Amino acid sequence: MISRRSKEITLQNLATRLMEFFQSLYPEHQIKHFIKHLKELQEVLGNFQDLSVQESTLKLYSEEMRNANIRADTLLAMAVLIQNLDTFRQ
């Protein structure tokens, strides 16, 4: 089954794969430089996406825990994790 995450990964890699496939049509020094930077950008975007998913998941879990009357210190710890993820993502 193809999940939303796998579709995002596929789309992120598509541009690089196409550039690598068609690299013989361009001067080598230009295309290699472009592909290198494109891969770096994909890494940054992938990390951003991962952090966003983690933050959203923690927010959902903390809401469920709050509704289940989980101890306040647990919720505070989760809030700190969410804040750290948000700070790192920015």
PDB file of N, CA and C in Angstrom:
ATOM      1  N   MET A   1       0.830  -1.176   0.000  1.00  0.00           N
ATOM      2  CA  MET A   1       0.000   0.000   0.000  1.00  0.00           C
ATOM      3  C   MET A   1       0.882   1.250   0.000  1.00  0.00           C
ATOM      4  N   ILE A   2       0.550   2.212  -0.826  1.00  0.00           N
ATOM      5  CA  ILE A   2       1.306   3.453  -0.899  1.00  0.00           C
ATOM      6  C   ILE A   2       0.683   4.459   0.052  1.00  0.00           C
ATOM      7  N   SER A   3       1.463   4.885   1.037  1.00  0.00           N
ATOM      8  CA  SER A   3       0.970   5.849   2.014  1.00  0.00           C
ATOM      9  C   SER A   3       1.267   7.258   1.545  1.00  0.00           C
ATOM     10  N   ARG A   4       0.706   8.225   2.272  1.00  0.00           N
ATOM     11  CA  ARG A   4       0.971   9.629   1.943  1.00  0.00           C
ATOM     12  C   ARG A   4       2.465   9.916   2.057  1.00  0.00           C
ATOM     13  N   ARG A   5       3.098   9.363   3.089  1.00  0.00           N
ATOM     14  CA  ARG A   5       4.532   9.577   3.309  1.00  0.00           C
ATOM     15  C   ARG A   5       5.340   9.017   2.149  1.00  0.00           C
ATOM     16  N   SER A   6       5.012   7.829   1.678  1.00  0.00           N
ATOM     17  CA  SER A   6       5.769   7.243   0.575  1.00  0.00           C
ATOM     18  C   SER A   6       5.577   8.040  -0.704  1.00  0.00           C
ATOM     19  N   LYS A   7       4.381   8.620  -0.893  1.00  0.00           N
ATOM     20  CA  LYS A   7       4.162   9.476  -2.061  1.00  0.00           C
ATOM     21  C   LYS A   7       5.033  10.716  -1.980  1.00  0.00           C
ATOM     22  N   GLU A   8       5.165  11.290  -0.777  1.00  0.00           N
ATOM     23  CA  GLU A   8       5.992  12.478  -0.605  1.00  0.00           C
ATOM     24  C   GLU A   8       7.446  12.163  -0.883  1.00  0.00           C
ATOM     25  N   ILE A   9       7.908  11.022  -0.386  1.00  0.00           N
ATOM     26  CA  ILE A   9       9.290  10.618  -0.635  1.00  0.00           C
ATOM     27  C   ILE A   9       9.507  10.411  -2.125  1.00  0.00           C
ATOM     28  N   THR A  10       8.568   9.782  -2.793  1.00  0.00           N
ATOM     29  CA  THR A  10       8.675   9.552  -4.229  1.00  0.00           C
ATOM     30  C   THR A  10       8.752  10.873  -4.985  1.00  0.00           C
ATOM     31  N   LEU A  11       7.915  11.820  -4.633  1.00  0.00           N
ATOM     32  CA  LEU A  11       7.938  13.120  -5.305  1.00  0.00           C
ATOM     33  C   LEU A  11       9.221  13.885  -5.009  1.00  0.00           C
ATOM     34  N   GLN A  12       9.719  13.766  -3.791  1.00  0.00           N
ATOM     35  CA  GLN A  12      10.963  14.448  -3.443  1.00  0.00           C
ATOM     36  C   GLN A  12      12.128  13.922  -4.273  1.00  0.00           C
ATOM     37  N   ASN A  13      12.124  12.631  -4.542  1.00  0.00           N
ATOM     38  CA  ASN A  13      13.238  12.035  -5.272  1.00  0.00           C
ATOM     39  C   ASN A  13      13.088  12.126  -6.789  1.00  0.00           C
ATOM     40  N   LEU A  14      11.908  12.418  -7.265  1.00  0.00           N
ATOM     41  CA  LEU A  14      11.650  12.420  -8.701  1.00  0.00           C
ATOM     42  C   LEU A  14      12.538  13.408  -9.453  1.00  0.00           C
ATOM     43  N   ALA A  15      12.642  14.620  -8.956  1.00  0.00           N
ATOM     44  CA  ALA A  15      13.445  15.637  -9.646  1.00  0.00           C
ATOM     45  C   ALA A  15      14.898  15.210  -9.752  1.00  0.00           C
ATOM     46  N   THR A  16      15.455  14.688  -8.674  1.00  0.00           N
ATOM     47  CA  THR A  16      16.848  14.246  -8.705  1.00  0.00           C
ATOM     48  C   THR A  16      17.026  13.085  -9.669  1.00  0.00           C
ATOM     49  N   ARG A  17      16.122  12.137  -9.642  1.00  0.00           N
ATOM     50  CA  ARG A  17      16.222  10.989 -10.546  1.00  0.00           C
ATOM     51  C   ARG A  17      16.166  11.437 -12.008  1.00  0.00           C
ATOM     52  N   LEU A  18      15.287  12.384 -12.305  1.00  0.00           N
ATOM     53  CA  LEU A  18      15.187  12.887 -13.680  1.00  0.00           C
ATOM     54  C   LEU A  18      16.459  13.605 -14.102  1.00  0.00           C
ATOM     55  N   MET A  19      17.008  14.422 -13.188  1.00  0.00           N
ATOM     56  CA  MET A  19      18.248  15.126 -13.515  1.00  0.00           C
ATOM     57  C   MET A  19      19.386  14.136 -13.748  1.00  0.00           C
ATOM     58  N   GLU A  20      19.461  13.103 -12.934  1.00  0.00           N
ATOM     59  CA  GLU A  20      20.502  12.094 -13.123  1.00  0.00           C
ATOM     60  C   GLU A  20      20.309  11.353 -14.447  1.00  0.00           C
ATOM     61  N   PHE A  21      19.067  11.081 -14.813  1.00  0.00           N
ATOM     62  CA  PHE A  21      18.778  10.375 -16.055  1.00  0.00           C
ATOM     63  C   PHE A  21      19.165  11.211 -17.273  1.00  0.00           C
ATOM     64  N   PHE A  22      18.863  12.521 -17.223  1.00  0.00           N
ATOM     65  CA  PHE A  22      19.113  13.398 -18.371  1.00  0.00           C
ATOM     66  C   PHE A  22      20.435  14.150 -18.283  1.00  0.00           C
ATOM     67  N   GLN A  23      21.298  13.779 -17.352  1.00  0.00           N
ATOM     68  CA  GLN A  23      22.523  14.542 -17.163  1.00  0.00           C
ATOM     69  C   GLN A  23      23.434  14.548 -18.394  1.00  0.00           C
ATOM     70  N   SER A  24      23.328  13.569 -19.244  1.00  0.00           N
ATOM     71  CA  SER A  24      24.183  13.538 -20.437  1.00  0.00           C
ATOM     72  C   SER A  24      23.835  14.653 -21.423  1.00  0.00           C
ATOM     73  N   LEU A  25      22.689  15.285 -21.261  1.00  0.00           N
ATOM     74  CA  LEU A  25      22.281  16.374 -22.148  1.00  0.00           C
ATOM     75  C   LEU A  25      22.870  17.725 -21.744  1.00  0.00           C
ATOM     76  N   TYR A  26      23.507  17.786 -20.572  1.00  0.00           N
ATOM     77  CA  TYR A  26      24.021  19.054 -20.044  1.00  0.00           C
ATOM     78  C   TYR A  26      25.515  18.943 -19.786  1.00  0.00           C
ATOM     79  N   PRO A  27      26.201  20.082 -19.735  1.00  0.00           N
ATOM     80  CA  PRO A  27      27.625  20.037 -19.381  1.00  0.00           C
ATOM     81  C   PRO A  27      27.811  19.409 -17.996  1.00  0.00           C
ATOM     82  N   GLU A  28      28.781  18.505 -17.887  1.00  0.00           N
ATOM     83  CA  GLU A  28      28.935  17.707 -16.673  1.00  0.00           C
ATOM     84  C   GLU A  28      29.125  18.552 -15.414  1.00  0.00           C
ATOM     85  N   HIS A  29      29.951  19.581 -15.479  1.00  0.00           N
ATOM     86  CA  HIS A  29      30.220  20.369 -14.277  1.00  0.00           C
ATOM     87  C   HIS A  29      28.971  21.101 -13.783  1.00  0.00           C
ATOM     88  N   GLN A  30      28.108  21.508 -14.702  1.00  0.00           N
ATOM     89  CA  GLN A  30      26.890  22.214 -14.296  1.00  0.00           C
ATOM     90  C   GLN A  30      25.868  21.270 -13.672  1.00  0.00           C
ATOM     91  N   ILE A  31      25.665  20.155 -14.299  1.00  0.00           N
ATOM     92  CA  ILE A  31      24.623  19.240 -13.827  1.00  0.00           C
ATOM     93  C   ILE A  31      25.032  18.567 -12.513  1.00  0.00           C
ATOM     94  N   LYS A  32      26.309  18.228 -12.361  1.00  0.00           N
ATOM     95  CA  LYS A  32      26.765  17.605 -11.107  1.00  0.00           C
ATOM     96  C   LYS A  32      26.569  18.575  -9.941  1.00  0.00           C
ATOM     97  N   HIS A  33      26.897  19.831 -10.166  1.00  0.00           N
ATOM     98  CA  HIS A  33      26.730  20.863  -9.140  1.00  0.00           C
ATOM     99  C   HIS A  33      25.252  21.019  -8.790  1.00  0.00           C
ATOM    100  N   PHE A  34      24.402  21.045  -9.795  1.00  0.00           N
ATOM    101  CA  PHE A  34      22.964  21.196  -9.583  1.00  0.00           C
ATOM    102  C   PHE A  34      22.384  20.006  -8.820  1.00  0.00           C
ATOM    103  N   ILE A  35      22.759  18.792  -9.217  1.00  0.00           N
ATOM    104  CA  ILE A  35      22.265  17.586  -8.560  1.00  0.00           C
ATOM    105  C   ILE A  35      22.705  17.554  -7.101  1.00  0.00           C
ATOM    106  N   LYS A  36      23.943  17.947  -6.832  1.00  0.00           N
ATOM    107  CA  LYS A  36      24.441  17.974  -5.452  1.00  0.00           C
ATOM    108  C   LYS A  36      23.571  18.886  -4.593  1.00  0.00           C
ATOM    109  N   HIS A  37      23.281  20.085  -5.086  1.00  0.00           N
ATOM    110  CA  HIS A  37      22.470  21.027  -4.319  1.00  0.00           C
ATOM    111  C   HIS A  37      21.012  20.575  -4.218  1.00  0.00           C
ATOM    112  N   LEU A  38      20.522  19.937  -5.228  1.00  0.00           N
ATOM    113  CA  LEU A  38      19.161  19.426  -5.194  1.00  0.00           C
ATOM    114  C   LEU A  38      19.030  18.326  -4.130  1.00  0.00           C
ATOM    115  N   LYS A  39      20.019  17.453  -4.035  1.00  0.00           N
ATOM    116  CA  LYS A  39      20.002  16.402  -3.012  1.00  0.00           C
ATOM    117  C   LYS A  39      20.068  17.012  -1.611  1.00  0.00           C
ATOM    118  N   GLU A  40      20.870  18.058  -1.437  1.00  0.00           N
ATOM    119  CA  GLU A  40      20.948  18.732  -0.139  1.00  0.00           C
ATOM    120  C   GLU A  40      19.593  19.348   0.229  1.00  0.00           C
ATOM    121  N   LEU A  41      18.942  19.956  -0.749  1.00  0.00           N
ATOM    122  CA  LEU A  41      17.627  20.541  -0.507  1.00  0.00           C
ATOM    123  C   LEU A  41      16.618  19.458  -0.139  1.00  0.00           C
ATOM    124  N   GLN A  42      16.660  18.342  -0.821  1.00  0.00           N
ATOM    125  CA  GLN A  42      15.755  17.241  -0.511  1.00  0.00           C
ATOM    126  C   GLN A  42      15.961  16.737   0.912  1.00  0.00           C
ATOM    127  N   GLU A  43      17.200  16.705   1.358  1.00  0.00           N
ATOM    128  CA  GLU A  43      17.501  16.282   2.726  1.00  0.00           C
ATOM    129  C   GLU A  43      16.877  17.248   3.731  1.00  0.00           C
ATOM    130  N   VAL A  44      17.010  18.536   3.475  1.00  0.00           N
ATOM    131  CA  VAL A  44      16.429  19.553   4.361  1.00  0.00           C
ATOM    132  C   VAL A  44      14.907  19.440   4.382  1.00  0.00           C
ATOM    133  N   LEU A  45      14.312  19.310   3.209  1.00  0.00           N
ATOM    134  CA  LEU A  45      12.852  19.189   3.134  1.00  0.00           C
ATOM    135  C   LEU A  45      12.360  17.911   3.817  1.00  0.00           C
ATOM    136  N   GLY A  46      13.093  16.837   3.657  1.00  0.00           N
ATOM    137  CA  GLY A  46      12.727  15.585   4.314  1.00  0.00           C
ATOM    138  C   GLY A  46      12.788  15.709   5.829  1.00  0.00           C
ATOM    139  N   ASN A  47      13.836  16.359   6.336  1.00  0.00           N
ATOM    140  CA  ASN A  47      13.952  16.573   7.778  1.00  0.00           C
ATOM    141  C   ASN A  47      12.821  17.460   8.288  1.00  0.00           C
ATOM    142  N   PHE A  48      12.500  18.493   7.535  1.00  0.00           N
ATOM    143  CA  PHE A  48      11.409  19.390   7.912  1.00  0.00           C
ATOM    144  C   PHE A  48      10.095  18.607   7.999  1.00  0.00           C
ATOM    145  N   GLN A  49       9.847  17.771   7.023  1.00  0.00           N
ATOM    146  CA  GLN A  49       8.626  16.955   7.005  1.00  0.00           C
ATOM    147  C   GLN A  49       8.594  15.998   8.189  1.00  0.00           C
ATOM    148  N   ASP A  50       9.718  15.351   8.469  1.00  0.00           N
ATOM    149  CA  ASP A  50       9.782  14.422   9.593  1.00  0.00           C
ATOM    150  C   ASP A  50       9.483  15.130  10.909  1.00  0.00           C
ATOM    151  N   LEU A  51      10.073  16.303  11.107  1.00  0.00           N
ATOM    152  CA  LEU A  51       9.836  17.059  12.333  1.00  0.00           C
ATOM    153  C   LEU A  51       8.381  17.505  12.437  1.00  0.00           C
ATOM    154  N   SER A  52       7.795  17.891  11.326  1.00  0.00           N
ATOM    155  CA  SER A  52       6.394  18.309  11.334  1.00  0.00           C
ATOM    156  C   SER A  52       5.476  17.159  11.727  1.00  0.00           C
ATOM    157  N   VAL A  53       5.756  15.980  11.203  1.00  0.00           N
ATOM    158  CA  VAL A  53       4.952  14.796  11.532  1.00  0.00           C
ATOM    159  C   VAL A  53       5.111  14.446  13.012  1.00  0.00           C
ATOM    160  N   GLN A  54       6.342  14.496  13.512  1.00  0.00           N
ATOM    161  CA  GLN A  54       6.575  14.196  14.920  1.00  0.00           C
ATOM    162  C   GLN A  54       5.843  15.187  15.817  1.00  0.00           C
ATOM    163  N   GLU A  55       5.913  16.455  15.462  1.00  0.00           N
ATOM    164  CA  GLU A  55       5.241  17.483  16.253  1.00  0.00           C
ATOM    165  C   GLU A  55       3.724  17.269  16.252  1.00  0.00           C
ATOM    166  N   SER A  56       3.165  17.017  15.104  1.00  0.00           N
ATOM    167  CA  SER A  56       1.718  16.780  15.006  1.00  0.00           C
ATOM    168  C   SER A  56       1.291  15.560  15.808  1.00  0.00           C
ATOM    169  N   THR A  57       2.085  14.499  15.736  1.00  0.00           N
ATOM    170  CA  THR A  57       1.770  13.274  16.463  1.00  0.00           C
ATOM    171  C   THR A  57       1.817  13.509  17.972  1.00  0.00           C
ATOM    172  N   LEU A  58       2.834  14.224  18.426  1.00  0.00           N
ATOM    173  CA  LEU A  58       2.921  14.518  19.859  1.00  0.00           C
ATOM    174  C   LEU A  58       1.754  15.385  20.327  1.00  0.00           C
ATOM    175  N   LYS A  59       1.351  16.337  19.504  1.00  0.00           N
ATOM    176  CA  LYS A  59       0.200  17.170  19.865  1.00  0.00           C
ATOM    177  C   LYS A  59      -1.061  16.308  19.990  1.00  0.00           C
ATOM    178  N   LEU A  60      -1.247  15.394  19.062  1.00  0.00           N
ATOM    179  CA  LEU A  60      -2.402  14.500  19.113  1.00  0.00           C
ATOM    180  C   LEU A  60      -2.368  13.620  20.365  1.00  0.00           C
ATOM    181  N   TYR A  61      -1.196  13.019  20.635  1.00  0.00           N
ATOM    182  CA  TYR A  61      -1.060  12.179  21.822  1.00  0.00           C
ATOM    183  C   TYR A  61      -1.286  12.970  23.104  1.00  0.00           C
ATOM    184  N   SER A  62      -0.760  14.187  23.158  1.00  0.00           N
ATOM    185  CA  SER A  62      -0.927  14.975  24.384  1.00  0.00           C
ATOM    186  C   SER A  62      -2.393  15.341  24.598  1.00  0.00           C
ATOM    187  N   GLU A  63      -3.119  15.604  23.518  1.00  0.00           N
ATOM    188  CA  GLU A  63      -4.555  15.888  23.642  1.00  0.00           C
ATOM    189  C   GLU A  63      -5.301  14.655  24.147  1.00  0.00           C
ATOM    190  N   GLU A  64      -4.955  13.488  23.627  1.00  0.00           N
ATOM    191  CA  GLU A  64      -5.579  12.251  24.089  1.00  0.00           C
ATOM    192  C   GLU A  64      -5.260  11.996  25.558  1.00  0.00           C
ATOM    193  N   MET A  65      -4.026  12.271  25.950  1.00  0.00           N
ATOM    194  CA  MET A  65      -3.626  12.064  27.341  1.00  0.00           C
ATOM    195  C   MET A  65      -4.331  13.060  28.262  1.00  0.00           C
ATOM    196  N   ARG A  66      -4.476  14.273  27.818  1.00  0.00           N
ATOM    197  CA  ARG A  66      -5.170  15.277  28.621  1.00  0.00           C
ATOM    198  C   ARG A  66      -6.612  14.845  28.860  1.00  0.00           C
ATOM    199  N   ASN A  67      -7.249  14.340  27.820  1.00  0.00           N
ATOM    200  CA  ASN A  67      -8.630  13.865  27.949  1.00  0.00           C
ATOM    201  C   ASN A  67      -8.741  12.628  28.849  1.00  0.00           C
ATOM    202  N   ALA A  68      -7.645  11.897  28.971  1.00  0.00           N
ATOM    203  CA  ALA A  68      -7.634  10.695  29.820  1.00  0.00           C
ATOM    204  C   ALA A  68      -7.137  11.004  31.228  1.00  0.00           C
ATOM    205  N   ASN A  69      -6.999  12.287  31.527  1.00  0.00           N
ATOM    206  CA  ASN A  69      -6.561  12.735  32.867  1.00  0.00           C
ATOM    207  C   ASN A  69      -5.194  12.191  33.277  1.00  0.00           C
ATOM    208  N   ILE A  70      -4.259  12.206  32.331  1.00  0.00           N
ATOM    209  CA  ILE A  70      -2.878  11.803  32.616  1.00  0.00           C
ATOM    210  C   ILE A  70      -2.222  12.898  33.464  1.00  0.00           C
ATOM    211  N   ARG A  71      -1.249  12.529  34.251  1.00  0.00           N
ATOM    212  CA  ARG A  71      -0.590  13.466  35.165  1.00  0.00           C
ATOM    213  C   ARG A  71      -0.047  14.681  34.423  1.00  0.00           C
ATOM    214  N   ALA A  72      -0.069  15.814  35.088  1.00  0.00           N
ATOM    215  CA  ALA A  72       0.352  17.089  34.503  1.00  0.00           C
ATOM    216  C   ALA A  72       1.825  17.087  34.098  1.00  0.00           C
ATOM    217  N   ASP A  73       2.691  16.437  34.884  1.00  0.00           N
ATOM    218  CA  ASP A  73       4.116  16.450  34.544  1.00  0.00           C
ATOM    219  C   ASP A  73       4.391  15.726  33.220  1.00  0.00           C
ATOM    220  N   THR A  74       3.608  14.715  32.918  1.00  0.00           N
ATOM    221  CA  THR A  74       3.746  14.028  31.627  1.00  0.00           C
ATOM    222  C   THR A  74       3.364  14.964  30.481  1.00  0.00           C
ATOM    223  N   LEU A  75       2.275  15.686  30.662  1.00  0.00           N
ATOM    224  CA  LEU A  75       1.832  16.634  29.634  1.00  0.00           C
ATOM    225  C   LEU A  75       2.831  17.770  29.469  1.00  0.00           C
ATOM    226  N   LEU A  76       3.413  18.227  30.582  1.00  0.00           N
ATOM    227  CA  LEU A  76       4.429  19.283  30.496  1.00  0.00           C
ATOM    228  C   LEU A  76       5.663  18.789  29.744  1.00  0.00           C
ATOM    229  N   ALA A  77       6.070  17.564  29.983  1.00  0.00           N
ATOM    230  CA  ALA A  77       7.218  16.990  29.273  1.00  0.00           C
ATOM    231  C   ALA A  77       6.937  16.907  27.777  1.00  0.00           C
ATOM    232  N   MET A  78       5.729  16.512  27.422  1.00  0.00           N
ATOM    233  CA  MET A  78       5.359  16.440  26.002  1.00  0.00           C
ATOM    234  C   MET A  78       5.344  17.837  25.387  1.00  0.00           C
ATOM    235  N   ALA A  79       4.881  18.828  26.157  1.00  0.00           N
ATOM    236  CA  ALA A  79       4.860  20.205  25.647  1.00  0.00           C
ATOM    237  C   ALA A  79       6.274  20.695  25.375  1.00  0.00           C
ATOM    238  N   VAL A  80       7.212  20.334  26.233  1.00  0.00           N
ATOM    239  CA  VAL A  80       8.616  20.714  26.013  1.00  0.00           C
ATOM    240  C   VAL A  80       9.146  20.044  24.755  1.00  0.00           C
ATOM    241  N   LEU A  81       8.840  18.765  24.551  1.00  0.00           N
ATOM    242  CA  LEU A  81       9.263  18.069  23.335  1.00  0.00           C
ATOM    243  C   LEU A  81       8.703  18.746  22.085  1.00  0.00           C
ATOM    244  N   ILE A  82       7.424  19.101  22.139  1.00  0.00           N
ATOM    245  CA  ILE A  82       6.789  19.769  20.996  1.00  0.00           C
ATOM    246  C   ILE A  82       7.470  21.108  20.719  1.00  0.00           C
ATOM    247  N   GLN A  83       7.733  21.850  21.771  1.00  0.00           N
ATOM    248  CA  GLN A  83       8.397  23.150  21.611  1.00  0.00           C
ATOM    249  C   GLN A  83       9.787  22.973  21.017  1.00  0.00           C
ATOM    250  N   ASN A  84      10.531  21.972  21.500  1.00  0.00           N
ATOM    251  CA  ASN A  84      11.875  21.714  20.954  1.00  0.00           C
ATOM    252  C   ASN A  84      11.832  21.323  19.481  1.00  0.00           C
ATOM    253  N   LEU A  85      10.882  20.497  19.114  1.00  0.00           N
ATOM    254  CA  LEU A  85      10.738  20.114  17.701  1.00  0.00           C
ATOM    255  C   LEU A  85      10.420  21.332  16.850  1.00  0.00           C
ATOM    256  N   ASP A  86       9.524  22.173  17.342  1.00  0.00           N
ATOM    257  CA  ASP A  86       9.143  23.373  16.601  1.00  0.00           C
ATOM    258  C   ASP A  86      10.337  24.310  16.441  1.00  0.00           C
ATOM    259  N   THR A  87      11.109  24.475  17.501  1.00  0.00           N
ATOM    260  CA  THR A  87      12.295  25.330  17.447  1.00  0.00           C
ATOM    261  C   THR A  87      13.321  24.782  16.468  1.00  0.00           C
ATOM    262  N   PHE A  88      13.558  23.470  16.529  1.00  0.00           N
ATOM    263  CA  PHE A  88      14.528  22.838  15.628  1.00  0.00           C
ATOM    264  C   PHE A  88      14.082  22.924  14.185  1.00  0.00           C
ATOM    265  N   ARG A  89      12.788  22.789  13.956  1.00  0.00           N
ATOM    266  CA  ARG A  89      12.233  22.818  12.593  1.00  0.00           C
ATOM    267  C   ARG A  89      12.414  24.209  11.964  1.00  0.00           C
ATOM    268  N   GLN A  90      12.349  25.237  12.794  1.00  0.00           N
ATOM    269  CA  GLN A  90      12.479  26.602  12.269  1.00  0.00           C
ATOM    270  C   GLN A  90      13.921  26.898  12.032  1.00  0.00           C
TER     271      GLN A  90
END
